[in-house]
């Protein structure tokens, strides 16, 4: 019985914290009404939570809000979100299934930096090396990082100077880049068709975190025929599933109709 009472108290504490997270601030009377609990019980619970620094007085007399100890706990959770650590086993499986080169890239300024690369069995001398970088307008991973940001980020990128052309297929103007970004956003998959290296193609997907924001990009690359010619739909499906698996490990949840609902 004591055990059941303890669980009930923990559950009620979480409900109070959830309500304060949703409302910002609330009085004990408001919380009691929402919870269907006696006001005196809620006051006692708030006093206990306040003693643990999980709740503190609000900006208005008689109100309460979440305390700073919850920030410490939340920060500890967020810090374990290591995209490379979560991506590694997924990348290895994708590499084993396809035999192609698999990349994990993160954005640094105007570039996509490769923080992990598993070499393919067919093509190993590709442009993007481990630790290397490509501008955000060139390559599948790069454009996946850019496409899933707010459109204001697209404009900022375009305004910051000329874009390097790697091949005749590289989009280096607003008129050529924006439609590619829009197509990536619509389909959930970034396609690089010989715009970095002639004869080489790649597919890329974003890695999203618990806020639905882009943390990294996962891509698969190889000779054009292998990536776009043999079984492009099957390869896309594998890549999208891999990207979603890593994103879920980072706390992402699909929201129907939202940008974060990629693939």
C-alpha atoms as a PDB file:
ATOM      1  CA  UNK A   1       0.000   0.000   0.000  1.00  0.00           C
ATOM      2  CA  UNK A   2       2.837   2.397   0.878  1.00  0.00           C
ATOM      3  CA  UNK A   3       4.453   1.561  -2.457  1.00  0.00           C
ATOM      4  CA  UNK A   4       1.223   2.361  -4.315  1.00  0.00           C
ATOM      5  CA  UNK A   5       0.903   5.620  -2.398  1.00  0.00           C
ATOM      6  CA  UNK A   6       4.440   6.584  -3.357  1.00  0.00           C
ATOM      7  CA  UNK A   7       3.773   5.925  -7.040  1.00  0.00           C
ATOM      8  CA  UNK A   8       0.596   7.987  -6.869  1.00  0.00           C
ATOM      9  CA  UNK A   9       2.544  10.886  -5.348  1.00  0.00           C
ATOM     10  CA  UNK A  10       5.206  10.675  -8.043  1.00  0.00           C
ATOM     11  CA  UNK A  11       2.512  10.583 -10.727  1.00  0.00           C
ATOM     12  CA  UNK A  12       0.763  13.604  -9.227  1.00  0.00           C
ATOM     13  CA  UNK A  13       4.069  15.483  -9.030  1.00  0.00           C
ATOM     14  CA  UNK A  14       4.701  14.834 -12.713  1.00  0.00           C
ATOM     15  CA  UNK A  15       1.196  16.033 -13.561  1.00  0.00           C
ATOM     16  CA  UNK A  16       1.842  19.281 -11.691  1.00  0.00           C
ATOM     17  CA  UNK A  17       5.149  19.793 -13.494  1.00  0.00           C
ATOM     18  CA  UNK A  18       3.516  19.035 -16.856  1.00  0.00           C
ATOM     19  CA  UNK A  19       0.802  21.597 -16.180  1.00  0.00           C
ATOM     20  CA  UNK A  20       3.322  24.256 -15.205  1.00  0.00           C
ATOM     21  CA  UNK A  21       5.325  23.471 -18.349  1.00  0.00           C
ATOM     22  CA  UNK A  22       2.192  23.982 -20.443  1.00  0.00           C
ATOM     23  CA  UNK A  23       0.888  27.079 -18.642  1.00  0.00           C
ATOM     24  CA  UNK A  24       4.141  28.825 -17.742  1.00  0.00           C
ATOM     25  CA  UNK A  25       2.737  29.950 -14.397  1.00  0.00           C
ATOM     26  CA  UNK A  26      -0.323  28.979 -12.377  1.00  0.00           C
ATOM     27  CA  UNK A  27      -1.780  29.340  -8.909  1.00  0.00           C
ATOM     28  CA  UNK A  28      -2.378  26.423  -6.592  1.00  0.00           C
ATOM     29  CA  UNK A  29      -6.136  26.941  -7.075  1.00  0.00           C
ATOM     30  CA  UNK A  30      -5.788  26.676 -10.862  1.00  0.00           C
ATOM     31  CA  UNK A  31      -3.678  23.536 -10.575  1.00  0.00           C
ATOM     32  CA  UNK A  32      -6.097  21.973  -8.094  1.00  0.00           C
ATOM     33  CA  UNK A  33      -8.999  22.596 -10.453  1.00  0.00           C
ATOM     34  CA  UNK A  34      -7.124  21.095 -13.415  1.00  0.00           C
ATOM     35  CA  UNK A  35      -6.077  18.037 -11.415  1.00  0.00           C
ATOM     36  CA  UNK A  36      -9.357  17.563  -9.572  1.00  0.00           C
ATOM     37  CA  UNK A  37      -7.493  17.533  -6.275  1.00  0.00           C
ATOM     38  CA  UNK A  38      -8.111  19.392  -2.998  1.00  0.00           C
ATOM     39  CA  UNK A  39      -6.359  22.737  -2.898  1.00  0.00           C
ATOM     40  CA  UNK A  40      -4.649  21.837   0.399  1.00  0.00           C
ATOM     41  CA  UNK A  41      -3.088  18.717  -1.169  1.00  0.00           C
ATOM     42  CA  UNK A  42      -1.762  20.712  -4.097  1.00  0.00           C
ATOM     43  CA  UNK A  43      -0.301  23.334  -1.765  1.00  0.00           C
ATOM     44  CA  UNK A  44       1.588  20.611   0.148  1.00  0.00           C
ATOM     45  CA  UNK A  45       2.862  19.083  -3.081  1.00  0.00           C
ATOM     46  CA  UNK A  46       4.015  22.471  -4.374  1.00  0.00           C
ATOM     47  CA  UNK A  47       5.823  23.136  -1.107  1.00  0.00           C
ATOM     48  CA  UNK A  48       7.671  19.815  -1.406  1.00  0.00           C
ATOM     49  CA  UNK A  49       8.617  20.498  -5.041  1.00  0.00           C
ATOM     50  CA  UNK A  50       9.720  23.995  -4.119  1.00  0.00           C
ATOM     51  CA  UNK A  51      12.008  22.549  -1.481  1.00  0.00           C
ATOM     52  CA  UNK A  52      13.653  20.451  -4.195  1.00  0.00           C
ATOM     53  CA  UNK A  53      14.032  23.511  -6.480  1.00  0.00           C
ATOM     54  CA  UNK A  54      11.748  21.890  -9.045  1.00  0.00           C
ATOM     55  CA  UNK A  55       9.169  24.628  -8.558  1.00  0.00           C
ATOM     56  CA  UNK A  56       9.613  28.277  -7.619  1.00  0.00           C
ATOM     57  CA  UNK A  57       7.462  31.325  -7.077  1.00  0.00           C
ATOM     58  CA  UNK A  58       6.141  32.945 -10.232  1.00  0.00           C
ATOM     59  CA  UNK A  59       6.246  36.557 -11.380  1.00  0.00           C
ATOM     60  CA  UNK A  60       2.861  37.282  -9.819  1.00  0.00           C
ATOM     61  CA  UNK A  61       1.942  36.800  -6.174  1.00  0.00           C
ATOM     62  CA  UNK A  62       0.536  33.346  -5.485  1.00  0.00           C
ATOM     63  CA  UNK A  63       1.726  31.791  -8.751  1.00  0.00           C
ATOM     64  CA  UNK A  64       4.253  29.020  -9.324  1.00  0.00           C
ATOM     65  CA  UNK A  65       6.526  28.071 -12.209  1.00  0.00           C
ATOM     66  CA  UNK A  66       9.132  25.427 -12.990  1.00  0.00           C
ATOM     67  CA  UNK A  67      12.380  25.629 -11.012  1.00  0.00           C
ATOM     68  CA  UNK A  68      15.981  25.637 -12.167  1.00  0.00           C
ATOM     69  CA  UNK A  69      16.724  22.102 -11.007  1.00  0.00           C
ATOM     70  CA  UNK A  70      14.638  20.898 -13.952  1.00  0.00           C
ATOM     71  CA  UNK A  71      16.957  22.834 -16.266  1.00  0.00           C
ATOM     72  CA  UNK A  72      19.889  20.852 -14.884  1.00  0.00           C
ATOM     73  CA  UNK A  73      18.060  17.585 -15.460  1.00  0.00           C
ATOM     74  CA  UNK A  74      16.945  18.613 -18.953  1.00  0.00           C
ATOM     75  CA  UNK A  75      20.449  19.675 -19.908  1.00  0.00           C
ATOM     76  CA  UNK A  76      21.791  16.285 -18.841  1.00  0.00           C
ATOM     77  CA  UNK A  77      19.284  14.586 -21.150  1.00  0.00           C
ATOM     78  CA  UNK A  78      20.049  16.853 -24.100  1.00  0.00           C
ATOM     79  CA  UNK A  79      23.816  16.368 -23.714  1.00  0.00           C
ATOM     80  CA  UNK A  80      23.492  12.658 -24.360  1.00  0.00           C
ATOM     81  CA  UNK A  81      22.142  13.431 -27.828  1.00  0.00           C
ATOM     82  CA  UNK A  82      25.303  12.588 -29.753  1.00  0.00           C
ATOM     83  CA  UNK A  83      24.414  12.257 -33.431  1.00  0.00           C
ATOM     84  CA  UNK A  84      27.574  10.373 -34.349  1.00  0.00           C
ATOM     85  CA  UNK A  85      27.166   7.799 -31.573  1.00  0.00           C
ATOM     86  CA  UNK A  86      23.552   7.127 -32.503  1.00  0.00           C
ATOM     87  CA  UNK A  87      24.275   7.117 -36.218  1.00  0.00           C
ATOM     88  CA  UNK A  88      27.217   4.691 -36.205  1.00  0.00           C
ATOM     89  CA  UNK A  89      25.323   1.362 -36.007  1.00  0.00           C
ATOM     90  CA  UNK A  90      22.687   2.570 -38.468  1.00  0.00           C
ATOM     91  CA  UNK A  91      25.369   3.676 -40.908  1.00  0.00           C
ATOM     92  CA  UNK A  92      27.137   0.334 -40.610  1.00  0.00           C
ATOM     93  CA  UNK A  93      23.928  -1.533 -41.391  1.00  0.00           C
ATOM     94  CA  UNK A  94      23.186   0.711 -44.385  1.00  0.00           C
ATOM     95  CA  UNK A  95      26.746   0.221 -45.606  1.00  0.00           C
ATOM     96  CA  UNK A  96      26.509  -3.560 -45.268  1.00  0.00           C
ATOM     97  CA  UNK A  97      23.166  -3.647 -47.109  1.00  0.00           C
ATOM     98  CA  UNK A  98      24.196  -1.453 -50.030  1.00  0.00           C
ATOM     99  CA  UNK A  99      27.977  -1.619 -50.341  1.00  0.00           C
ATOM    100  CA  UNK A 100      28.007   2.132 -51.059  1.00  0.00           C
ATOM    101  CA  UNK A 101      29.803   4.969 -49.268  1.00  0.00           C
ATOM    102  CA  UNK A 102      27.806   6.342 -46.330  1.00  0.00           C
ATOM    103  CA  UNK A 103      28.370   9.804 -44.859  1.00  0.00           C
ATOM    104  CA  UNK A 104      27.309  11.696 -41.757  1.00  0.00           C
ATOM    105  CA  UNK A 105      27.682  15.470 -42.027  1.00  0.00           C
ATOM    106  CA  UNK A 106      26.983  18.439 -39.770  1.00  0.00           C
ATOM    107  CA  UNK A 107      26.775  22.114 -40.612  1.00  0.00           C
ATOM    108  CA  UNK A 108      29.589  24.475 -39.731  1.00  0.00           C
ATOM    109  CA  UNK A 109      28.879  27.936 -41.063  1.00  0.00           C
ATOM    110  CA  UNK A 110      28.349  27.759 -44.840  1.00  0.00           C
ATOM    111  CA  UNK A 111      29.687  24.223 -45.104  1.00  0.00           C
ATOM    112  CA  UNK A 112      28.737  20.602 -44.444  1.00  0.00           C
ATOM    113  CA  UNK A 113      31.554  18.859 -42.594  1.00  0.00           C
ATOM    114  CA  UNK A 114      31.919  15.070 -42.786  1.00  0.00           C
ATOM    115  CA  UNK A 115      32.206  13.669 -39.253  1.00  0.00           C
ATOM    116  CA  UNK A 116      31.861   9.989 -40.237  1.00  0.00           C
ATOM    117  CA  UNK A 117      32.420   8.089 -43.466  1.00  0.00           C
ATOM    118  CA  UNK A 118      32.218   4.406 -44.310  1.00  0.00           C
ATOM    119  CA  UNK A 119      33.893   3.671 -47.628  1.00  0.00           C
ATOM    120  CA  UNK A 120      31.942   1.825 -50.289  1.00  0.00           C
ATOM    121  CA  UNK A 121      33.168  -1.324 -51.970  1.00  0.00           C
ATOM    122  CA  UNK A 122      32.761   0.141 -55.469  1.00  0.00           C
ATOM    123  CA  UNK A 123      33.924   3.760 -55.255  1.00  0.00           C
ATOM    124  CA  UNK A 124      36.356   5.004 -52.622  1.00  0.00           C
ATOM    125  CA  UNK A 125      37.926   8.118 -54.166  1.00  0.00           C
ATOM    126  CA  UNK A 126      34.980  10.466 -53.624  1.00  0.00           C
ATOM    127  CA  UNK A 127      35.272  14.227 -53.107  1.00  0.00           C
ATOM    128  CA  UNK A 128      34.189  14.362 -49.463  1.00  0.00           C
ATOM    129  CA  UNK A 129      36.756  12.868 -47.104  1.00  0.00           C
ATOM    130  CA  UNK A 130      36.406  12.341 -43.352  1.00  0.00           C
ATOM    131  CA  UNK A 131      36.893  15.762 -41.812  1.00  0.00           C
ATOM    132  CA  UNK A 132      36.451  17.416 -45.194  1.00  0.00           C
ATOM    133  CA  UNK A 133      33.729  19.856 -46.162  1.00  0.00           C
ATOM    134  CA  UNK A 134      31.511  20.914 -49.029  1.00  0.00           C
ATOM    135  CA  UNK A 135      29.495  24.142 -49.359  1.00  0.00           C
ATOM    136  CA  UNK A 136      25.821  23.813 -48.507  1.00  0.00           C
ATOM    137  CA  UNK A 137      24.684  24.177 -52.127  1.00  0.00           C
ATOM    138  CA  UNK A 138      26.718  21.203 -53.386  1.00  0.00           C
ATOM    139  CA  UNK A 139      26.059  17.532 -52.664  1.00  0.00           C
ATOM    140  CA  UNK A 140      23.194  15.553 -51.168  1.00  0.00           C
ATOM    141  CA  UNK A 141      24.134  15.822 -47.489  1.00  0.00           C
ATOM    142  CA  UNK A 142      24.907  19.529 -47.819  1.00  0.00           C
ATOM    143  CA  UNK A 143      21.562  20.388 -49.385  1.00  0.00           C
ATOM    144  CA  UNK A 144      19.694  18.197 -46.892  1.00  0.00           C
ATOM    145  CA  UNK A 145      21.182  20.346 -44.131  1.00  0.00           C
ATOM    146  CA  UNK A 146      20.097  23.551 -45.870  1.00  0.00           C
ATOM    147  CA  UNK A 147      16.717  22.502 -47.272  1.00  0.00           C
ATOM    148  CA  UNK A 148      15.179  21.565 -43.919  1.00  0.00           C
ATOM    149  CA  UNK A 149      15.961  24.905 -42.330  1.00  0.00           C
ATOM    150  CA  UNK A 150      13.696  27.948 -42.446  1.00  0.00           C
ATOM    151  CA  UNK A 151      13.555  29.661 -45.804  1.00  0.00           C
ATOM    152  CA  UNK A 152      15.244  32.658 -44.201  1.00  0.00           C
ATOM    153  CA  UNK A 153      18.356  30.465 -43.949  1.00  0.00           C
ATOM    154  CA  UNK A 154      18.144  29.887 -47.706  1.00  0.00           C
ATOM    155  CA  UNK A 155      18.060  33.630 -48.310  1.00  0.00           C
ATOM    156  CA  UNK A 156      20.953  34.244 -45.911  1.00  0.00           C
ATOM    157  CA  UNK A 157      23.046  31.632 -47.697  1.00  0.00           C
ATOM    158  CA  UNK A 158      22.324  33.109 -51.109  1.00  0.00           C
ATOM    159  CA  UNK A 159      23.150  36.615 -49.911  1.00  0.00           C
ATOM    160  CA  UNK A 160      26.520  35.709 -48.413  1.00  0.00           C
ATOM    161  CA  UNK A 161      28.447  35.553 -51.659  1.00  0.00           C
ATOM    162  CA  UNK A 162      29.108  33.609 -54.848  1.00  0.00           C
ATOM    163  CA  UNK A 163      28.700  29.829 -54.900  1.00  0.00           C
ATOM    164  CA  UNK A 164      31.442  27.567 -56.199  1.00  0.00           C
ATOM    165  CA  UNK A 165      30.740  25.457 -59.267  1.00  0.00           C
ATOM    166  CA  UNK A 166      32.172  21.925 -59.159  1.00  0.00           C
ATOM    167  CA  UNK A 167      30.619  20.555 -62.350  1.00  0.00           C
ATOM    168  CA  UNK A 168      28.191  21.873 -64.980  1.00  0.00           C
ATOM    169  CA  UNK A 169      25.367  20.419 -62.817  1.00  0.00           C
ATOM    170  CA  UNK A 170      26.182  22.378 -59.630  1.00  0.00           C
ATOM    171  CA  UNK A 171      23.360  24.831 -58.748  1.00  0.00           C
ATOM    172  CA  UNK A 172      25.127  28.167 -58.243  1.00  0.00           C
ATOM    173  CA  UNK A 173      22.302  30.703 -58.597  1.00  0.00           C
ATOM    174  CA  UNK A 174      19.075  31.354 -56.739  1.00  0.00           C
ATOM    175  CA  UNK A 175      17.110  30.320 -59.808  1.00  0.00           C
ATOM    176  CA  UNK A 176      18.756  26.885 -59.855  1.00  0.00           C
ATOM    177  CA  UNK A 177      19.270  26.248 -56.125  1.00  0.00           C
ATOM    178  CA  UNK A 178      15.867  27.202 -54.708  1.00  0.00           C
ATOM    179  CA  UNK A 179      13.868  24.745 -56.878  1.00  0.00           C
ATOM    180  CA  UNK A 180      16.275  21.973 -55.821  1.00  0.00           C
ATOM    181  CA  UNK A 181      15.795  22.868 -52.150  1.00  0.00           C
ATOM    182  CA  UNK A 182      12.019  22.953 -52.602  1.00  0.00           C
ATOM    183  CA  UNK A 183      12.061  19.522 -54.246  1.00  0.00           C
ATOM    184  CA  UNK A 184      14.196  18.184 -51.375  1.00  0.00           C
ATOM    185  CA  UNK A 185      11.766  19.610 -48.845  1.00  0.00           C
ATOM    186  CA  UNK A 186       8.764  18.145 -50.667  1.00  0.00           C
ATOM    187  CA  UNK A 187      10.208  14.667 -51.203  1.00  0.00           C
ATOM    188  CA  UNK A 188      12.214  14.378 -47.988  1.00  0.00           C
ATOM    189  CA  UNK A 189      15.287  13.258 -49.935  1.00  0.00           C
ATOM    190  CA  UNK A 190      18.109  15.338 -51.369  1.00  0.00           C
ATOM    191  CA  UNK A 191      19.423  14.155 -54.739  1.00  0.00           C
ATOM    192  CA  UNK A 192      22.909  14.950 -56.003  1.00  0.00           C
ATOM    193  CA  UNK A 193      23.259  13.978 -59.664  1.00  0.00           C
ATOM    194  CA  UNK A 194      26.876  14.596 -60.671  1.00  0.00           C
ATOM    195  CA  UNK A 195      26.894  18.120 -59.203  1.00  0.00           C
ATOM    196  CA  UNK A 196      30.056  17.480 -57.144  1.00  0.00           C
ATOM    197  CA  UNK A 197      31.870  14.828 -59.203  1.00  0.00           C
ATOM    198  CA  UNK A 198      31.017  13.775 -62.755  1.00  0.00           C
ATOM    199  CA  UNK A 199      29.812  10.161 -62.780  1.00  0.00           C
ATOM    200  CA  UNK A 200      28.976  10.136 -59.060  1.00  0.00           C
ATOM    201  CA  UNK A 201      25.529  10.558 -57.474  1.00  0.00           C
ATOM    202  CA  UNK A 202      24.250  10.674 -53.907  1.00  0.00           C
ATOM    203  CA  UNK A 203      21.064  10.719 -51.848  1.00  0.00           C
ATOM    204  CA  UNK A 204      20.740  12.546 -48.526  1.00  0.00           C
ATOM    205  CA  UNK A 205      18.241  12.918 -45.681  1.00  0.00           C
ATOM    206  CA  UNK A 206      18.189  15.206 -42.647  1.00  0.00           C
ATOM    207  CA  UNK A 207      18.747  14.028 -39.083  1.00  0.00           C
ATOM    208  CA  UNK A 208      16.298  15.878 -36.851  1.00  0.00           C
ATOM    209  CA  UNK A 209      16.343  16.343 -33.079  1.00  0.00           C
ATOM    210  CA  UNK A 210      13.613  16.519 -30.437  1.00  0.00           C
ATOM    211  CA  UNK A 211      12.761  20.074 -31.552  1.00  0.00           C
ATOM    212  CA  UNK A 212      12.389  19.048 -35.187  1.00  0.00           C
ATOM    213  CA  UNK A 213      15.524  20.986 -36.067  1.00  0.00           C
ATOM    214  CA  UNK A 214      18.273  19.706 -38.344  1.00  0.00           C
ATOM    215  CA  UNK A 215      21.220  18.283 -36.406  1.00  0.00           C
ATOM    216  CA  UNK A 216      23.012  16.418 -39.201  1.00  0.00           C
ATOM    217  CA  UNK A 217      22.540  14.791 -42.593  1.00  0.00           C
ATOM    218  CA  UNK A 218      22.958  11.174 -43.638  1.00  0.00           C
ATOM    219  CA  UNK A 219      23.867  10.393 -47.224  1.00  0.00           C
ATOM    220  CA  UNK A 220      24.791   7.486 -49.452  1.00  0.00           C
ATOM    221  CA  UNK A 221      26.988   7.922 -52.514  1.00  0.00           C
ATOM    222  CA  UNK A 222      28.425   5.906 -55.397  1.00  0.00           C
ATOM    223  CA  UNK A 223      28.586   5.655 -59.160  1.00  0.00           C
ATOM    224  CA  UNK A 224      25.523   7.218 -60.763  1.00  0.00           C
ATOM    225  CA  UNK A 225      24.070   3.966 -62.082  1.00  0.00           C
ATOM    226  CA  UNK A 226      24.212   2.313 -58.654  1.00  0.00           C
ATOM    227  CA  UNK A 227      22.534   5.231 -56.860  1.00  0.00           C
ATOM    228  CA  UNK A 228      19.979   6.464 -59.396  1.00  0.00           C
ATOM    229  CA  UNK A 229      19.701   3.710 -61.978  1.00  0.00           C
ATOM    230  CA  UNK A 230      19.257   0.226 -60.532  1.00  0.00           C
ATOM    231  CA  UNK A 231      16.796   0.476 -57.629  1.00  0.00           C
ATOM    232  CA  UNK A 232      16.486   4.151 -56.675  1.00  0.00           C
ATOM    233  CA  UNK A 233      13.169   3.697 -54.834  1.00  0.00           C
ATOM    234  CA  UNK A 234      14.556   0.875 -52.698  1.00  0.00           C
ATOM    235  CA  UNK A 235      17.696   2.850 -51.900  1.00  0.00           C
ATOM    236  CA  UNK A 236      15.657   5.920 -50.987  1.00  0.00           C
ATOM    237  CA  UNK A 237      13.450   3.863 -48.700  1.00  0.00           C
ATOM    238  CA  UNK A 238      16.447   2.375 -46.887  1.00  0.00           C
ATOM    239  CA  UNK A 239      18.013   5.806 -46.471  1.00  0.00           C
ATOM    240  CA  UNK A 240      14.817   7.465 -45.223  1.00  0.00           C
ATOM    241  CA  UNK A 241      14.276   4.674 -42.689  1.00  0.00           C
ATOM    242  CA  UNK A 242      17.879   5.008 -41.515  1.00  0.00           C
ATOM    243  CA  UNK A 243      17.535   8.771 -41.138  1.00  0.00           C
ATOM    244  CA  UNK A 244      14.306   8.433 -39.196  1.00  0.00           C
ATOM    245  CA  UNK A 245      15.837   5.805 -36.917  1.00  0.00           C
ATOM    246  CA  UNK A 246      18.703   8.126 -35.986  1.00  0.00           C
ATOM    247  CA  UNK A 247      16.309  11.062 -35.601  1.00  0.00           C
ATOM    248  CA  UNK A 248      14.094   9.081 -33.233  1.00  0.00           C
ATOM    249  CA  UNK A 249      17.164   8.311 -31.118  1.00  0.00           C
ATOM    250  CA  UNK A 250      17.649  12.090 -30.873  1.00  0.00           C
ATOM    251  CA  UNK A 251      14.081  12.526 -29.626  1.00  0.00           C
ATOM    252  CA  UNK A 252      12.388  13.406 -32.938  1.00  0.00           C
ATOM    253  CA  UNK A 253       8.764  12.449 -33.408  1.00  0.00           C
ATOM    254  CA  UNK A 254       6.983  12.672 -36.741  1.00  0.00           C
ATOM    255  CA  UNK A 255       4.347  15.387 -36.972  1.00  0.00           C
ATOM    256  CA  UNK A 256       1.951  14.868 -39.845  1.00  0.00           C
ATOM    257  CA  UNK A 257       2.079  17.743 -42.276  1.00  0.00           C
ATOM    258  CA  UNK A 258       5.084  19.380 -40.652  1.00  0.00           C
ATOM    259  CA  UNK A 259       8.484  19.973 -42.198  1.00  0.00           C
ATOM    260  CA  UNK A 260       9.878  17.543 -39.630  1.00  0.00           C
ATOM    261  CA  UNK A 261       7.732  14.777 -41.102  1.00  0.00           C
ATOM    262  CA  UNK A 262      10.331  13.917 -43.731  1.00  0.00           C
ATOM    263  CA  UNK A 263      10.207  10.909 -46.009  1.00  0.00           C
END
